[in-house]
């Protein structure tokens, strides 16, 4: 399955543009009819995303270390919006004809590979752009025995937001964009600590 030209726009209070987009995604899945019908779980072996582009708007008034420990950006706000939407009860009536029919479909993704990405954006209104190193996320939804579509969106935006924030802080620190020597040291130390904690 090929998915082309996907995009997700910025939330309110941010510049009107796409926050996340990609050129092409290839989805490799082997549907097991028995498991799908019985458990309503779709297992995806691999998703490969090419040309990921993130327009990252980082905001903090407390330096880079505070940004890493409590990240605030358009990507984290998208994750928060999706999380609230997932928790809100649906206004649609539940139609249950057989046992388990009202259960939503759940997904397990064994691997997502991101290649040839770019991050462009601003840190406290100072622009930056850099290539995003290829990275892989594995075993999404395995521990939870599957995630709903909403849960999956929340988890992925959270992981991607954390990853690109760490990479952006590394770039900003290296380029010394509008930061003091003390803030640069904080950024390096915080990047090292947070980078260790990123979970796949």
Protein backbone atom coordinates (compact mmCIF):
# COMPACT_ATOMS: atom_id res chain seq x y z
CA UNK A 1 0.00 0.00 0.00
CA UNK A 2 1.38 3.41 -1.02
CA UNK A 3 0.34 6.67 0.65
CA UNK A 4 1.40 9.88 -1.08
CA UNK A 5 1.48 13.58 -0.19
CA UNK A 6 0.21 13.37 3.39
CA UNK A 7 0.06 16.55 5.46
CA UNK A 8 -1.14 17.73 8.87
CA UNK A 9 -1.70 21.46 9.39
CA UNK A 10 -0.60 23.56 12.34
CA UNK A 11 -2.90 24.02 15.35
CA UNK A 12 -4.39 27.44 16.19
CA UNK A 13 -1.98 30.14 17.46
CA UNK A 14 0.74 28.96 15.09
CA UNK A 15 1.65 30.00 11.57
CA UNK A 16 -0.84 28.77 8.97
CA UNK A 17 1.10 26.03 7.20
CA UNK A 18 1.69 22.29 7.31
CA UNK A 19 3.26 21.06 10.54
CA UNK A 20 4.01 17.53 9.30
CA UNK A 21 4.09 16.23 5.76
CA UNK A 22 5.73 13.52 3.71
CA UNK A 23 6.08 12.67 0.03
CA UNK A 24 5.54 8.94 0.14
CA UNK A 25 4.90 6.09 2.56
CA UNK A 26 4.98 2.38 1.79
CA UNK A 27 2.94 0.15 4.12
CA UNK A 28 3.80 -3.55 4.30
CA UNK A 29 1.19 -5.62 6.11
CA UNK A 30 0.23 -9.27 6.13
CA UNK A 31 -3.39 -9.51 7.20
CA UNK A 32 -4.26 -12.58 9.22
CA UNK A 33 -8.03 -13.02 8.61
CA UNK A 34 -8.60 -15.13 11.75
CA UNK A 35 -6.83 -12.71 14.10
CA UNK A 36 -8.35 -9.69 12.38
CA UNK A 37 -11.91 -11.01 12.66
CA UNK A 38 -11.48 -12.40 16.17
CA UNK A 39 -9.43 -9.66 17.86
CA UNK A 40 -9.90 -6.73 15.43
CA UNK A 41 -6.14 -6.20 15.39
CA UNK A 42 -4.24 -5.26 12.25
CA UNK A 43 -0.52 -6.03 12.39
CA UNK A 44 1.66 -3.88 10.12
CA UNK A 45 5.12 -5.32 9.50
CA UNK A 46 6.77 -2.13 8.28
CA UNK A 47 6.02 1.44 7.23
CA UNK A 48 8.73 3.29 5.33
CA UNK A 49 8.26 7.06 5.09
CA UNK A 50 10.33 9.08 2.62
CA UNK A 51 10.65 12.85 2.54
CA UNK A 52 9.33 13.61 6.04
CA UNK A 53 9.13 17.39 6.51
CA UNK A 54 8.47 19.05 9.84
CA UNK A 55 7.84 22.74 10.32
CA UNK A 56 8.89 22.98 13.95
CA UNK A 57 7.98 26.05 16.00
CA UNK A 58 9.79 25.82 19.36
CA UNK A 59 8.81 28.17 22.15
CA UNK A 60 10.41 28.66 25.55
CA UNK A 61 11.26 31.55 27.82
CA UNK A 62 13.54 29.51 30.07
CA UNK A 63 16.41 28.27 27.88
CA UNK A 64 17.08 25.08 25.99
CA UNK A 65 17.23 22.76 29.00
CA UNK A 66 13.68 23.78 29.97
CA UNK A 67 12.59 23.19 26.38
CA UNK A 68 13.84 19.61 26.51
CA UNK A 69 12.39 18.76 29.90
CA UNK A 70 9.05 20.42 29.10
CA UNK A 71 8.93 20.74 25.30
CA UNK A 72 6.49 23.23 23.84
CA UNK A 73 5.98 23.38 20.10
CA UNK A 74 3.35 23.07 17.41
CA UNK A 75 4.05 19.31 17.29
CA UNK A 76 3.50 18.80 21.03
CA UNK A 77 0.30 20.84 20.82
CA UNK A 78 -0.97 18.62 18.00
CA UNK A 79 -0.29 15.60 20.23
CA UNK A 80 -2.22 17.24 23.09
CA UNK A 81 -5.18 18.04 20.83
CA UNK A 82 -5.27 14.46 19.55
CA UNK A 83 -5.07 13.12 23.10
CA UNK A 84 -8.04 15.22 24.24
CA UNK A 85 -10.04 14.17 21.20
CA UNK A 86 -9.26 10.51 21.91
CA UNK A 87 -10.46 10.82 25.53
CA UNK A 88 -13.73 12.59 24.68
CA UNK A 89 -16.72 10.24 24.39
CA UNK A 90 -18.10 9.88 20.89
CA UNK A 91 -21.45 11.49 20.11
CA UNK A 92 -22.24 8.63 17.74
CA UNK A 93 -24.57 5.95 19.12
CA UNK A 94 -22.96 2.59 19.78
CA UNK A 95 -24.34 -0.06 17.46
CA UNK A 96 -23.58 -3.51 18.78
CA UNK A 97 -25.07 -6.48 16.99
CA UNK A 98 -22.70 -9.17 18.19
CA UNK A 99 -20.32 -9.53 21.09
CA UNK A 100 -17.30 -7.29 20.53
CA UNK A 101 -18.70 -5.52 17.44
CA UNK A 102 -18.51 -2.14 19.16
CA UNK A 103 -14.78 -2.54 19.81
CA UNK A 104 -12.63 -0.28 17.59
CA UNK A 105 -9.98 -1.68 15.29
CA UNK A 106 -6.54 -1.78 16.88
CA UNK A 107 -3.12 -1.59 15.25
CA UNK A 108 0.31 -3.01 15.96
CA UNK A 109 3.21 -1.61 13.93
CA UNK A 110 6.42 -3.60 14.11
CA UNK A 111 8.60 -0.97 12.48
CA UNK A 112 8.42 2.56 11.06
CA UNK A 113 11.45 3.86 9.16
CA UNK A 114 11.84 7.59 8.44
CA UNK A 115 14.26 8.46 5.61
CA UNK A 116 15.40 11.66 3.94
CA UNK A 117 13.70 14.06 6.34
CA UNK A 118 14.02 17.80 6.84
CA UNK A 119 13.25 20.03 9.82
CA UNK A 120 12.58 23.70 9.21
CA UNK A 121 11.24 26.20 11.68
CA UNK A 122 11.98 28.68 14.41
CA UNK A 123 13.24 28.84 17.98
CA UNK A 124 11.81 31.89 19.73
CA UNK A 125 11.35 33.47 16.28
CA UNK A 126 14.90 32.68 15.03
CA UNK A 127 14.83 30.51 11.91
CA UNK A 128 16.69 27.25 11.32
CA UNK A 129 16.72 24.32 8.90
CA UNK A 130 18.63 21.04 8.94
CA UNK A 131 18.42 17.51 7.51
CA UNK A 132 16.75 15.03 9.83
CA UNK A 133 18.86 11.91 10.35
CA UNK A 134 17.10 8.66 9.43
CA UNK A 135 15.54 6.94 12.42
CA UNK A 136 13.40 3.92 13.23
CA UNK A 137 10.57 3.35 15.69
CA UNK A 138 9.79 -0.26 16.56
CA UNK A 139 7.09 -2.34 18.27
CA UNK A 140 4.38 0.30 18.48
CA UNK A 141 1.32 -1.04 20.26
CA UNK A 142 2.89 -4.40 21.07
CA UNK A 143 2.87 -3.91 24.82
CA UNK A 144 -0.72 -2.58 24.74
CA UNK A 145 -1.93 -5.43 22.47
CA UNK A 146 -2.80 -2.88 19.83
CA UNK A 147 -3.64 0.82 19.72
CA UNK A 148 -6.71 2.49 18.29
CA UNK A 149 -6.22 4.94 15.43
CA UNK A 150 -6.45 7.87 17.83
CA UNK A 151 -4.05 6.32 20.34
CA UNK A 152 -1.61 5.56 17.54
CA UNK A 153 -1.70 9.16 16.30
CA UNK A 154 -1.05 10.48 19.84
CA UNK A 155 1.86 8.10 20.40
CA UNK A 156 3.52 8.79 17.05
CA UNK A 157 3.26 12.59 17.25
CA UNK A 158 4.65 12.42 20.79
CA UNK A 159 7.64 10.29 19.77
CA UNK A 160 8.35 12.33 16.64
CA UNK A 161 7.97 15.61 18.55
CA UNK A 162 10.48 14.50 21.19
CA UNK A 163 12.93 13.22 18.60
CA UNK A 164 12.94 16.34 16.42
CA UNK A 165 13.09 18.62 19.48
CA UNK A 166 16.28 16.88 20.62
CA UNK A 167 17.77 17.15 17.12
CA UNK A 168 16.73 20.80 16.84
CA UNK A 169 18.34 21.67 20.16
CA UNK A 170 21.55 19.95 19.04
CA UNK A 171 21.48 22.03 15.85
CA UNK A 172 20.69 25.29 17.66
CA UNK A 173 23.41 24.66 20.24
CA UNK A 174 25.97 23.85 17.55
CA UNK A 175 25.11 26.92 15.50
CA UNK A 176 24.85 29.18 18.58
CA UNK A 177 21.60 30.74 17.39
CA UNK A 178 20.76 33.52 19.81
CA UNK A 179 21.87 31.67 22.93
CA UNK A 180 24.49 32.47 25.57
CA UNK A 181 27.42 30.22 26.37
CA UNK A 182 25.65 29.15 29.57
CA UNK A 183 22.47 28.23 27.70
CA UNK A 184 24.52 26.30 25.15
CA UNK A 185 26.05 24.20 27.94
CA UNK A 186 22.57 23.59 29.39
CA UNK A 187 21.38 22.50 25.94
CA UNK A 188 24.22 20.02 25.49
CA UNK A 189 23.69 18.52 28.97
CA UNK A 190 19.92 18.32 28.59
CA UNK A 191 20.21 16.83 25.10
CA UNK A 192 22.46 14.08 26.43
CA UNK A 193 20.02 13.24 29.26
CA UNK A 194 16.83 13.36 27.21
CA UNK A 195 18.37 11.50 24.28
CA UNK A 196 18.98 8.53 26.56
CA UNK A 197 15.32 8.44 27.56
CA UNK A 198 13.73 8.43 24.11
CA UNK A 199 11.86 5.15 23.86
CA UNK A 200 11.28 3.31 20.62
